Amino acid sequence: MINIILDFINKYITLTDEEVNIIKELNLIETYKKNTNILSEGEVAKECYFILKGCIRSYYVIDGEEKTTEFYTEGQPITPISYHSKEPSEYYLSCLEDCVVSLGTKNEELIRRIPKLNNLILQFSTEMLVQNQISFDTFKNLSPEQRYLKLLETRPDLLNRVPQYHLATFLGITPVSLSRMRKRISLEKA
């Protein structure tokens, strides 16, 4: 699994053999079983994550109902708000599949030992901020059906990986509405 991290880093910068050995030495990998909550409401996040394998869902519980806000899959980082604020989290992070992640708590040690990674982290953080803003704007400005079509276009893998009821809350509709919409769209395409 360490090769996934190294391949990702090598897309942006070239590492020396010594730097590769430092990354291997720090043992950044953690595994979580399906249905594990890696962060719960009320907890202060102790980790940031970079997903190497699996799918993690972010959600709130509002009036007893779960409201999905994001799905994180391979190649995506998760930096919980409470990791930086040191305040209790208002949401959950839950593994929808068995997951393998790189832990972010060792980033300070990693950056101290490989300073050129700081620029990579800043560049990647900027890219993620832009992607998050686009995602937020899309959610705000599109109808549920348009959101679903956008999801089909940009993240079709989620349709096979995520239960329909989670997709429905992510789109801001009920599972019944999603089922009807999917049926209607499939009939229109036929």
N, C-alpha and C. Protein backbone atom coordinates (compact mmCIF):
# COMPACT_ATOMS: atom_id res chain seq x y z
N MET A 1 0.81 -1.21 0.00
CA MET A 1 0.00 0.00 0.00
C MET A 1 0.85 1.27 0.00
N ILE A 2 2.04 1.18 0.55
CA ILE A 2 2.91 2.37 0.59
C ILE A 2 3.20 2.85 -0.84
N ASN A 3 3.17 1.91 -1.81
CA ASN A 3 3.43 2.30 -3.20
C ASN A 3 2.36 3.25 -3.73
N ILE A 4 1.13 3.15 -3.22
CA ILE A 4 0.07 4.06 -3.66
C ILE A 4 0.43 5.49 -3.25
N ILE A 5 0.93 5.67 -2.03
CA ILE A 5 1.34 7.00 -1.56
C ILE A 5 2.50 7.50 -2.41
N LEU A 6 3.48 6.63 -2.63
CA LEU A 6 4.66 7.04 -3.40
C LEU A 6 4.28 7.38 -4.84
N ASP A 7 3.40 6.59 -5.44
CA ASP A 7 2.95 6.90 -6.81
C ASP A 7 2.25 8.25 -6.86
N PHE A 8 1.41 8.52 -5.86
CA PHE A 8 0.69 9.79 -5.82
C PHE A 8 1.68 10.95 -5.71
N ILE A 9 2.62 10.87 -4.78
CA ILE A 9 3.61 11.93 -4.58
C ILE A 9 4.44 12.13 -5.85
N ASN A 10 4.83 11.02 -6.47
CA ASN A 10 5.67 11.10 -7.67
C ASN A 10 4.97 11.74 -8.87
N LYS A 11 3.65 11.87 -8.83
CA LYS A 11 2.94 12.60 -9.88
C LYS A 11 3.28 14.09 -9.82
N TYR A 12 3.66 14.55 -8.64
CA TYR A 12 3.91 15.98 -8.41
C TYR A 12 5.38 16.31 -8.26
N ILE A 13 6.11 15.48 -7.52
CA ILE A 13 7.53 15.74 -7.28
C ILE A 13 8.30 14.42 -7.32
N THR A 14 9.60 14.53 -7.56
CA THR A 14 10.45 13.34 -7.57
C THR A 14 11.09 13.18 -6.20
N LEU A 15 11.01 11.97 -5.67
CA LEU A 15 11.59 11.68 -4.37
C LEU A 15 12.92 10.95 -4.54
N THR A 16 13.85 11.25 -3.65
CA THR A 16 15.12 10.51 -3.64
C THR A 16 14.88 9.18 -2.92
N ASP A 17 15.83 8.28 -3.05
CA ASP A 17 15.73 6.99 -2.34
C ASP A 17 15.66 7.22 -0.83
N GLU A 18 16.42 8.18 -0.34
CA GLU A 18 16.40 8.49 1.09
C GLU A 18 15.01 8.97 1.53
N GLU A 19 14.39 9.81 0.71
CA GLU A 19 13.05 10.33 1.03
C GLU A 19 12.00 9.22 0.99
N VAL A 20 12.14 8.30 0.04
CA VAL A 20 11.24 7.15 -0.02
C VAL A 20 11.37 6.32 1.26
N ASN A 21 12.60 6.12 1.71
CA ASN A 21 12.82 5.36 2.93
C ASN A 21 12.23 6.04 4.16
N ILE A 22 12.27 7.36 4.20
CA ILE A 22 11.67 8.11 5.31
C ILE A 22 10.16 7.87 5.33
N ILE A 23 9.53 7.94 4.17
CA ILE A 23 8.08 7.71 4.09
C ILE A 23 7.73 6.29 4.54
N LYS A 24 8.53 5.33 4.10
CA LYS A 24 8.29 3.94 4.52
C LYS A 24 8.47 3.78 6.03
N GLU A 25 9.48 4.43 6.57
CA GLU A 25 9.81 4.34 7.99
C GLU A 25 8.70 4.90 8.89
N LEU A 26 8.03 5.95 8.43
CA LEU A 26 7.02 6.60 9.26
C LEU A 26 5.73 5.80 9.40
N ASN A 27 5.56 4.75 8.60
CA ASN A 27 4.40 3.88 8.72
C ASN A 27 3.09 4.67 8.78
N LEU A 28 2.73 5.28 7.68
CA LEU A 28 1.58 6.17 7.60
C LEU A 28 0.25 5.46 7.36
N ILE A 29 0.26 4.15 7.19
CA ILE A 29 -0.93 3.41 6.74
C ILE A 29 -1.74 2.87 7.93
N GLU A 30 -3.08 3.00 7.80
CA GLU A 30 -4.01 2.43 8.78
C GLU A 30 -5.17 1.80 8.01
N THR A 31 -5.69 0.70 8.52
CA THR A 31 -6.84 0.06 7.89
C THR A 31 -8.05 0.14 8.83
N TYR A 32 -9.23 0.25 8.22
CA TYR A 32 -10.49 0.29 8.98
C TYR A 32 -11.48 -0.64 8.30
N LYS A 33 -12.24 -1.35 9.09
CA LYS A 33 -13.27 -2.24 8.56
C LYS A 33 -14.51 -1.46 8.15
N LYS A 34 -15.27 -2.02 7.24
CA LYS A 34 -16.55 -1.45 6.81
C LYS A 34 -17.41 -1.18 8.05
N ASN A 35 -18.13 -0.08 8.02
CA ASN A 35 -19.03 0.39 9.09
C ASN A 35 -18.32 0.96 10.32
N THR A 36 -17.00 1.13 10.25
CA THR A 36 -16.27 1.76 11.35
C THR A 36 -16.45 3.27 11.26
N ASN A 37 -16.82 3.88 12.37
CA ASN A 37 -16.83 5.34 12.44
C ASN A 37 -15.42 5.77 12.82
N ILE A 38 -14.78 6.52 11.95
CA ILE A 38 -13.44 7.01 12.27
C ILE A 38 -13.51 8.37 12.96
N LEU A 39 -14.69 8.98 12.94
CA LEU A 39 -14.96 10.20 13.69
C LEU A 39 -16.45 10.23 13.99
N SER A 40 -16.78 10.56 15.22
CA SER A 40 -18.18 10.67 15.62
C SER A 40 -18.48 12.07 16.09
N GLU A 41 -19.74 12.44 16.00
CA GLU A 41 -20.18 13.74 16.51
C GLU A 41 -19.77 13.84 17.97
N GLY A 42 -19.22 15.00 18.34
CA GLY A 42 -18.80 15.22 19.72
C GLY A 42 -17.34 14.91 19.99
N GLU A 43 -16.70 14.18 19.10
CA GLU A 43 -15.27 13.87 19.25
C GLU A 43 -14.42 14.96 18.60
N VAL A 44 -13.22 15.13 19.12
CA VAL A 44 -12.25 16.02 18.48
C VAL A 44 -11.38 15.14 17.59
N ALA A 45 -11.30 15.48 16.33
CA ALA A 45 -10.52 14.68 15.36
C ALA A 45 -9.04 14.73 15.72
N LYS A 46 -8.43 13.56 15.73
CA LYS A 46 -7.00 13.46 16.02
C LYS A 46 -6.20 13.16 14.76
N GLU A 47 -6.91 12.91 13.65
CA GLU A 47 -6.26 12.52 12.40
C GLU A 47 -6.82 13.27 11.21
N CYS A 48 -5.98 13.40 10.19
CA CYS A 48 -6.40 13.73 8.83
C CYS A 48 -6.16 12.45 8.06
N TYR A 49 -6.82 12.30 6.92
CA TYR A 49 -6.72 11.05 6.19
C TYR A 49 -6.51 11.31 4.71
N PHE A 50 -5.85 10.37 4.06
CA PHE A 50 -5.76 10.34 2.61
C PHE A 50 -6.17 8.94 2.21
N ILE A 51 -7.22 8.82 1.41
CA ILE A 51 -7.79 7.51 1.12
C ILE A 51 -7.00 6.81 0.02
N LEU A 52 -6.48 5.65 0.38
CA LEU A 52 -5.75 4.82 -0.57
C LEU A 52 -6.67 3.78 -1.19
N LYS A 53 -7.62 3.29 -0.38
CA LYS A 53 -8.56 2.28 -0.85
C LYS A 53 -9.82 2.39 -0.01
N GLY A 54 -10.99 2.37 -0.66
CA GLY A 54 -12.25 2.37 0.06
C GLY A 54 -13.06 3.65 -0.14
N CYS A 55 -14.14 3.72 0.63
CA CYS A 55 -15.06 4.85 0.53
C CYS A 55 -15.51 5.24 1.93
N ILE A 56 -15.40 6.53 2.24
CA ILE A 56 -15.80 7.06 3.54
C ILE A 56 -16.88 8.10 3.32
N ARG A 57 -17.91 8.03 4.15
CA ARG A 57 -19.04 8.95 4.05
C ARG A 57 -18.99 9.94 5.20
N SER A 58 -19.25 11.20 4.90
CA SER A 58 -19.39 12.26 5.89
C SER A 58 -20.88 12.56 6.03
N TYR A 59 -21.37 12.60 7.28
CA TYR A 59 -22.79 12.89 7.46
C TYR A 59 -23.08 13.52 8.81
N TYR A 60 -24.19 14.24 8.86
CA TYR A 60 -24.73 14.84 10.07
C TYR A 60 -25.96 14.04 10.48
N VAL A 61 -26.29 14.07 11.76
CA VAL A 61 -27.57 13.54 12.21
C VAL A 61 -28.39 14.75 12.64
N ILE A 62 -29.49 14.99 11.92
CA ILE A 62 -30.35 16.15 12.17
C ILE A 62 -31.76 15.63 12.45
N ASP A 63 -32.27 15.94 13.63
CA ASP A 63 -33.59 15.45 14.05
C ASP A 63 -33.72 13.94 13.84
N GLY A 64 -32.65 13.22 14.19
CA GLY A 64 -32.66 11.76 14.11
C GLY A 64 -32.44 11.18 12.71
N GLU A 65 -32.27 12.03 11.71
CA GLU A 65 -32.05 11.57 10.34
C GLU A 65 -30.62 11.88 9.89
N GLU A 66 -30.04 10.91 9.19
CA GLU A 66 -28.70 11.11 8.65
C GLU A 66 -28.77 11.91 7.36
N LYS A 67 -27.90 12.91 7.25
CA LYS A 67 -27.81 13.75 6.04
C LYS A 67 -26.38 13.67 5.53
N THR A 68 -26.19 12.98 4.42
CA THR A 68 -24.87 12.78 3.84
C THR A 68 -24.39 14.06 3.16
N THR A 69 -23.16 14.46 3.46
CA THR A 69 -22.61 15.67 2.86
C THR A 69 -21.51 15.38 1.83
N GLU A 70 -20.87 14.21 1.94
CA GLU A 70 -19.79 13.91 0.98
C GLU A 70 -19.43 12.44 1.03
N PHE A 71 -18.91 11.96 -0.09
CA PHE A 71 -18.31 10.63 -0.19
C PHE A 71 -16.86 10.84 -0.60
N TYR A 72 -15.95 10.24 0.14
CA TYR A 72 -14.52 10.34 -0.16
C TYR A 72 -14.04 8.97 -0.63
N THR A 73 -13.33 8.97 -1.76
CA THR A 73 -12.83 7.72 -2.31
C THR A 73 -11.33 7.85 -2.61
N GLU A 74 -10.79 6.85 -3.25
CA GLU A 74 -9.35 6.78 -3.51
C GLU A 74 -8.80 8.10 -4.06
N GLY A 75 -7.67 8.50 -3.47
CA GLY A 75 -6.98 9.70 -3.93
C GLY A 75 -7.52 10.99 -3.34
N GLN A 76 -8.44 10.90 -2.40
CA GLN A 76 -9.00 12.12 -1.80
C GLN A 76 -8.57 12.24 -0.34
N PRO A 77 -8.27 13.47 0.06
CA PRO A 77 -7.94 13.70 1.47
C PRO A 77 -9.20 14.06 2.26
N ILE A 78 -9.13 13.82 3.55
CA ILE A 78 -10.18 14.27 4.47
C ILE A 78 -9.47 15.00 5.61
N THR A 79 -9.80 16.27 5.77
CA THR A 79 -9.29 17.04 6.89
C THR A 79 -10.50 17.52 7.70
N PRO A 80 -10.86 16.78 8.75
CA PRO A 80 -12.01 17.18 9.54
C PRO A 80 -11.82 18.58 10.12
N ILE A 81 -12.90 19.35 10.13
CA ILE A 81 -12.85 20.71 10.67
C ILE A 81 -12.31 20.69 12.09
N SER A 82 -12.75 19.71 12.87
CA SER A 82 -12.35 19.68 14.28
C SER A 82 -10.87 19.36 14.46
N TYR A 83 -10.21 18.84 13.42
CA TYR A 83 -8.77 18.60 13.50
C TYR A 83 -8.02 19.91 13.70
N HIS A 84 -8.47 20.95 12.99
CA HIS A 84 -7.83 22.26 13.10
C HIS A 84 -8.42 23.10 14.22
N SER A 85 -9.74 23.03 14.39
CA SER A 85 -10.39 23.89 15.39
C SER A 85 -10.22 23.38 16.82
N LYS A 86 -9.95 22.08 16.95
CA LYS A 86 -9.84 21.41 18.26
C LYS A 86 -11.17 21.47 19.03
N GLU A 87 -12.25 21.72 18.29
CA GLU A 87 -13.61 21.72 18.85
C GLU A 87 -14.26 20.37 18.52
N PRO A 88 -15.25 19.95 19.30
CA PRO A 88 -15.93 18.69 18.98
C PRO A 88 -16.56 18.72 17.58
N SER A 89 -16.47 17.60 16.90
CA SER A 89 -17.02 17.49 15.55
C SER A 89 -18.54 17.55 15.60
N GLU A 90 -19.12 18.13 14.57
CA GLU A 90 -20.58 18.17 14.46
C GLU A 90 -21.08 17.07 13.52
N TYR A 91 -20.16 16.30 12.95
CA TYR A 91 -20.55 15.27 11.98
C TYR A 91 -19.76 13.99 12.20
N TYR A 92 -20.12 12.99 11.41
CA TYR A 92 -19.51 11.67 11.48
C TYR A 92 -18.72 11.40 10.20
N LEU A 93 -17.70 10.56 10.31
CA LEU A 93 -17.01 9.97 9.17
C LEU A 93 -17.10 8.46 9.35
N SER A 94 -17.71 7.80 8.37
CA SER A 94 -17.96 6.36 8.50
C SER A 94 -17.49 5.63 7.24
N CYS A 95 -16.87 4.49 7.44
CA CYS A 95 -16.37 3.67 6.32
C CYS A 95 -17.53 2.89 5.70
N LEU A 96 -17.78 3.13 4.42
CA LEU A 96 -18.81 2.38 3.70
C LEU A 96 -18.24 1.07 3.14
N GLU A 97 -16.93 0.97 3.10
CA GLU A 97 -16.22 -0.22 2.64
C GLU A 97 -15.02 -0.41 3.58
N ASP A 98 -14.36 -1.55 3.49
CA ASP A 98 -13.08 -1.69 4.16
C ASP A 98 -12.16 -0.62 3.56
N CYS A 99 -11.44 0.09 4.41
CA CYS A 99 -10.65 1.23 3.94
C CYS A 99 -9.20 1.12 4.36
N VAL A 100 -8.33 1.60 3.48
CA VAL A 100 -6.91 1.75 3.78
C VAL A 100 -6.61 3.23 3.57
N VAL A 101 -6.07 3.86 4.62
CA VAL A 101 -5.81 5.30 4.56
C VAL A 101 -4.40 5.61 5.04
N SER A 102 -3.93 6.74 4.59
CA SER A 102 -2.68 7.29 5.10
C SER A 102 -3.06 8.32 6.15
N LEU A 103 -2.43 8.24 7.30
CA LEU A 103 -2.74 9.14 8.39
C LEU A 103 -1.98 10.45 8.27
N GLY A 104 -2.63 11.54 8.63
CA GLY A 104 -2.03 12.85 8.49
C GLY A 104 -1.34 13.39 9.73
N THR A 105 -1.47 12.70 10.86
CA THR A 105 -0.86 13.25 12.08
C THR A 105 0.65 13.27 12.01
N LYS A 106 1.20 12.45 11.16
CA LYS A 106 2.66 12.40 11.03
C LYS A 106 3.17 13.37 9.98
N ASN A 107 2.27 14.20 9.43
CA ASN A 107 2.67 15.15 8.38
C ASN A 107 3.75 16.11 8.86
N GLU A 108 3.66 16.57 10.10
CA GLU A 108 4.66 17.52 10.60
C GLU A 108 6.05 16.89 10.58
N GLU A 109 6.13 15.65 11.04
CA GLU A 109 7.41 14.94 11.02
C GLU A 109 7.86 14.71 9.58
N LEU A 110 6.92 14.37 8.72
CA LEU A 110 7.22 14.13 7.32
C LEU A 110 7.74 15.41 6.65
N ILE A 111 7.08 16.53 6.89
CA ILE A 111 7.50 17.80 6.31
C ILE A 111 8.83 18.26 6.88
N ARG A 112 9.04 18.02 8.17
CA ARG A 112 10.32 18.39 8.79
C ARG A 112 11.47 17.62 8.12
N ARG A 113 11.21 16.35 7.82
CA ARG A 113 12.26 15.50 7.25
C ARG A 113 12.35 15.59 5.72
N ILE A 114 11.23 15.96 5.07
CA ILE A 114 11.21 16.13 3.61
C ILE A 114 10.52 17.47 3.33
N PRO A 115 11.24 18.59 3.49
CA PRO A 115 10.63 19.92 3.37
C PRO A 115 9.92 20.20 2.04
N LYS A 116 10.40 19.59 0.95
CA LYS A 116 9.76 19.89 -0.35
C LYS A 116 8.32 19.37 -0.42
N LEU A 117 7.91 18.53 0.52
CA LEU A 117 6.52 18.07 0.55
C LEU A 117 5.56 19.18 0.97
N ASN A 118 6.06 20.19 1.64
CA ASN A 118 5.19 21.29 2.08
C ASN A 118 4.52 21.96 0.88
N ASN A 119 5.29 22.22 -0.18
CA ASN A 119 4.70 22.83 -1.38
C ASN A 119 3.65 21.92 -2.01
N LEU A 120 3.92 20.62 -2.01
CA LEU A 120 2.96 19.67 -2.55
C LEU A 120 1.66 19.70 -1.75
N ILE A 121 1.78 19.73 -0.45
CA ILE A 121 0.59 19.75 0.42
C ILE A 121 -0.18 21.05 0.21
N LEU A 122 0.51 22.17 0.10
CA LEU A 122 -0.17 23.44 -0.15
C LEU A 122 -0.87 23.44 -1.51
N GLN A 123 -0.21 22.92 -2.54
CA GLN A 123 -0.81 22.84 -3.87
C GLN A 123 -2.05 21.95 -3.83
N PHE A 124 -1.93 20.81 -3.20
CA PHE A 124 -3.04 19.87 -3.13
C PHE A 124 -4.19 20.46 -2.32
N SER A 125 -3.89 21.15 -1.24
CA SER A 125 -4.92 21.80 -0.43
C SER A 125 -5.68 22.84 -1.24
N THR A 126 -4.97 23.61 -2.04
CA THR A 126 -5.61 24.62 -2.88
C THR A 126 -6.53 23.95 -3.89
N GLU A 127 -6.07 22.88 -4.52
CA GLU A 127 -6.90 22.15 -5.48
C GLU A 127 -8.17 21.62 -4.82
N MET A 128 -8.03 21.12 -3.61
CA MET A 128 -9.20 20.57 -2.90
C MET A 128 -10.18 21.67 -2.51
N LEU A 129 -9.68 22.84 -2.13
CA LEU A 129 -10.57 23.96 -1.82
C LEU A 129 -11.39 24.35 -3.05
N VAL A 130 -10.75 24.38 -4.20
CA VAL A 130 -11.46 24.71 -5.44
C VAL A 130 -12.51 23.65 -5.74
N GLN A 131 -12.15 22.38 -5.63
CA GLN A 131 -13.10 21.30 -5.88
C GLN A 131 -14.28 21.35 -4.91
N ASN A 132 -13.99 21.64 -3.65
CA ASN A 132 -15.07 21.74 -2.66
C ASN A 132 -16.00 22.90 -2.97
N GLN A 133 -15.46 24.02 -3.43
CA GLN A 133 -16.30 25.17 -3.78
C GLN A 133 -17.18 24.84 -4.98
N ILE A 134 -16.62 24.16 -5.97
CA ILE A 134 -17.39 23.75 -7.14
C ILE A 134 -18.51 22.81 -6.71
N SER A 135 -18.20 21.86 -5.84
CA SER A 135 -19.20 20.91 -5.35
C SER A 135 -20.32 21.63 -4.60
N PHE A 136 -19.95 22.58 -3.76
CA PHE A 136 -20.94 23.35 -3.00
C PHE A 136 -21.82 24.17 -3.95
N ASP A 137 -21.21 24.85 -4.90
CA ASP A 137 -21.97 25.65 -5.86
C ASP A 137 -22.91 24.78 -6.69
N THR A 138 -22.43 23.60 -7.09
CA THR A 138 -23.26 22.68 -7.85
C THR A 138 -24.48 22.27 -7.04
N PHE A 139 -24.26 21.93 -5.78
CA PHE A 139 -25.37 21.51 -4.93
C PHE A 139 -26.38 22.64 -4.76
N LYS A 140 -25.87 23.85 -4.57
CA LYS A 140 -26.73 25.01 -4.34
C LYS A 140 -27.53 25.40 -5.58
N ASN A 141 -26.94 25.28 -6.73
CA ASN A 141 -27.53 25.84 -7.95
C ASN A 141 -28.28 24.84 -8.83
N LEU A 142 -28.16 23.56 -8.57
CA LEU A 142 -28.81 22.58 -9.42
C LEU A 142 -29.99 21.92 -8.72
N SER A 143 -30.94 21.48 -9.51
CA SER A 143 -32.08 20.72 -8.96
C SER A 143 -31.58 19.33 -8.58
N PRO A 144 -32.35 18.59 -7.78
CA PRO A 144 -31.92 17.23 -7.44
C PRO A 144 -31.65 16.35 -8.67
N GLU A 145 -32.49 16.48 -9.69
CA GLU A 145 -32.26 15.68 -10.90
C GLU A 145 -30.97 16.10 -11.59
N GLN A 146 -30.71 17.39 -11.65
CA GLN A 146 -29.46 17.86 -12.26
C GLN A 146 -28.25 17.41 -11.43
N ARG A 147 -28.40 17.40 -10.11
CA ARG A 147 -27.32 16.91 -9.24
C ARG A 147 -27.03 15.44 -9.52
N TYR A 148 -28.10 14.67 -9.67
CA TYR A 148 -27.95 13.24 -9.96
C TYR A 148 -27.25 13.03 -11.30
N LEU A 149 -27.67 13.77 -12.31
CA LEU A 149 -27.03 13.65 -13.63
C LEU A 149 -25.56 14.06 -13.57
N LYS A 150 -25.26 15.08 -12.79
CA LYS A 150 -23.87 15.52 -12.61
C LYS A 150 -23.05 14.42 -11.92
N LEU A 151 -23.69 13.76 -10.93
CA LEU A 151 -23.04 12.66 -10.23
C LEU A 151 -22.76 11.51 -11.21
N LEU A 152 -23.72 11.21 -12.07
CA LEU A 152 -23.53 10.18 -13.10
C LEU A 152 -22.34 10.51 -13.99
N GLU A 153 -22.19 11.79 -14.29
CA GLU A 153 -21.13 12.25 -15.18
C GLU A 153 -19.77 12.27 -14.49
N THR A 154 -19.72 12.74 -13.25
CA THR A 154 -18.44 12.99 -12.60
C THR A 154 -17.98 11.87 -11.66
N ARG A 155 -18.93 11.15 -11.06
CA ARG A 155 -18.55 10.11 -10.10
C ARG A 155 -19.43 8.87 -10.24
N PRO A 156 -19.48 8.28 -11.43
CA PRO A 156 -20.38 7.15 -11.65
C PRO A 156 -20.07 5.94 -10.77
N ASP A 157 -18.82 5.82 -10.30
CA ASP A 157 -18.45 4.70 -9.44
C ASP A 157 -19.27 4.66 -8.16
N LEU A 158 -19.71 5.84 -7.68
CA LEU A 158 -20.47 5.89 -6.44
C LEU A 158 -21.79 5.14 -6.53
N LEU A 159 -22.37 5.08 -7.73
CA LEU A 159 -23.67 4.42 -7.89
C LEU A 159 -23.60 2.94 -7.58
N ASN A 160 -22.44 2.33 -7.75
CA ASN A 160 -22.27 0.91 -7.43
C ASN A 160 -21.66 0.68 -6.05
N ARG A 161 -21.13 1.73 -5.45
CA ARG A 161 -20.42 1.58 -4.19
C ARG A 161 -21.22 2.03 -2.98
N VAL A 162 -22.21 2.88 -3.21
CA VAL A 162 -22.90 3.54 -2.11
C VAL A 162 -24.38 3.13 -2.12
N PRO A 163 -24.92 2.76 -0.96
CA PRO A 163 -26.34 2.42 -0.90
C PRO A 163 -27.22 3.60 -1.37
N GLN A 164 -28.32 3.26 -2.03
CA GLN A 164 -29.20 4.28 -2.60
C GLN A 164 -29.69 5.28 -1.56
N TYR A 165 -29.99 4.83 -0.35
CA TYR A 165 -30.50 5.76 0.67
C TYR A 165 -29.45 6.79 1.07
N HIS A 166 -28.15 6.44 1.00
CA HIS A 166 -27.11 7.43 1.26
C HIS A 166 -26.99 8.42 0.10
N LEU A 167 -27.09 7.88 -1.12
CA LEU A 167 -27.06 8.76 -2.29
C LEU A 167 -28.22 9.75 -2.25
N ALA A 168 -29.40 9.27 -1.82
CA ALA A 168 -30.57 10.14 -1.76
C ALA A 168 -30.34 11.29 -0.80
N THR A 169 -29.82 11.02 0.39
CA THR A 169 -29.60 12.12 1.34
C THR A 169 -28.52 13.07 0.84
N PHE A 170 -27.54 12.54 0.12
CA PHE A 170 -26.50 13.37 -0.48
C PHE A 170 -27.11 14.33 -1.51
N LEU A 171 -28.09 13.84 -2.27
CA LEU A 171 -28.74 14.65 -3.29
C LEU A 171 -29.84 15.55 -2.70
N GLY A 172 -30.18 15.32 -1.44
CA GLY A 172 -31.19 16.15 -0.79
C GLY A 172 -32.61 15.71 -1.08
N ILE A 173 -32.79 14.41 -1.36
CA ILE A 173 -34.12 13.88 -1.65
C ILE A 173 -34.32 12.57 -0.87
N THR A 174 -35.52 12.03 -0.96
CA THR A 174 -35.82 10.75 -0.29
C THR A 174 -35.39 9.60 -1.19
N PRO A 175 -35.18 8.42 -0.62
CA PRO A 175 -34.84 7.25 -1.44
C PRO A 175 -35.94 6.93 -2.47
N VAL A 176 -37.20 7.13 -2.10
CA VAL A 176 -38.30 6.88 -3.03
C VAL A 176 -38.20 7.83 -4.22
N SER A 177 -37.94 9.11 -3.96
CA SER A 177 -37.79 10.08 -5.05
C SER A 177 -36.62 9.73 -5.95
N LEU A 178 -35.52 9.27 -5.34
CA LEU A 178 -34.36 8.88 -6.14
C LEU A 178 -34.70 7.69 -7.02
N SER A 179 -35.40 6.73 -6.48
CA SER A 179 -35.79 5.55 -7.25
C SER A 179 -36.65 5.95 -8.45
N ARG A 180 -37.62 6.81 -8.23
CA ARG A 180 -38.48 7.28 -9.32
C ARG A 180 -37.67 8.04 -10.38
N MET A 181 -36.78 8.90 -9.91
CA MET A 181 -35.96 9.69 -10.82
C MET A 181 -35.07 8.77 -11.67
N ARG A 182 -34.43 7.80 -11.05
CA ARG A 182 -33.56 6.87 -11.78
C ARG A 182 -34.35 6.11 -12.83
N LYS A 183 -35.54 5.66 -12.46
CA LYS A 183 -36.39 4.92 -13.40
C LYS A 183 -36.78 5.81 -14.59
N ARG A 184 -37.19 7.04 -14.29
CA ARG A 184 -37.59 7.96 -15.34
C ARG A 184 -36.42 8.26 -16.28
N ILE A 185 -35.24 8.51 -15.71
CA ILE A 185 -34.07 8.82 -16.53
C ILE A 185 -33.68 7.63 -17.39
N SER A 186 -33.74 6.42 -16.82
CA SER A 186 -33.38 5.23 -17.61
C SER A 186 -34.38 5.00 -18.75
N LEU A 187 -35.66 5.30 -18.52
CA LEU A 187 -36.67 5.17 -19.58
C LEU A 187 -36.44 6.21 -20.68
N GLU A 188 -36.05 7.42 -20.28
CA GLU A 188 -35.79 8.48 -21.26
C GLU A 188 -34.59 8.15 -22.14
N LYS A 189 -33.61 7.47 -21.56
CA LYS A 189 -32.40 7.12 -22.33
C LYS A 189 -32.62 5.92 -23.23
N ALA A 190 -33.66 5.14 -22.93
CA ALA A 190 -33.92 3.89 -23.72
C ALA A 190 -34.53 4.19 -25.07
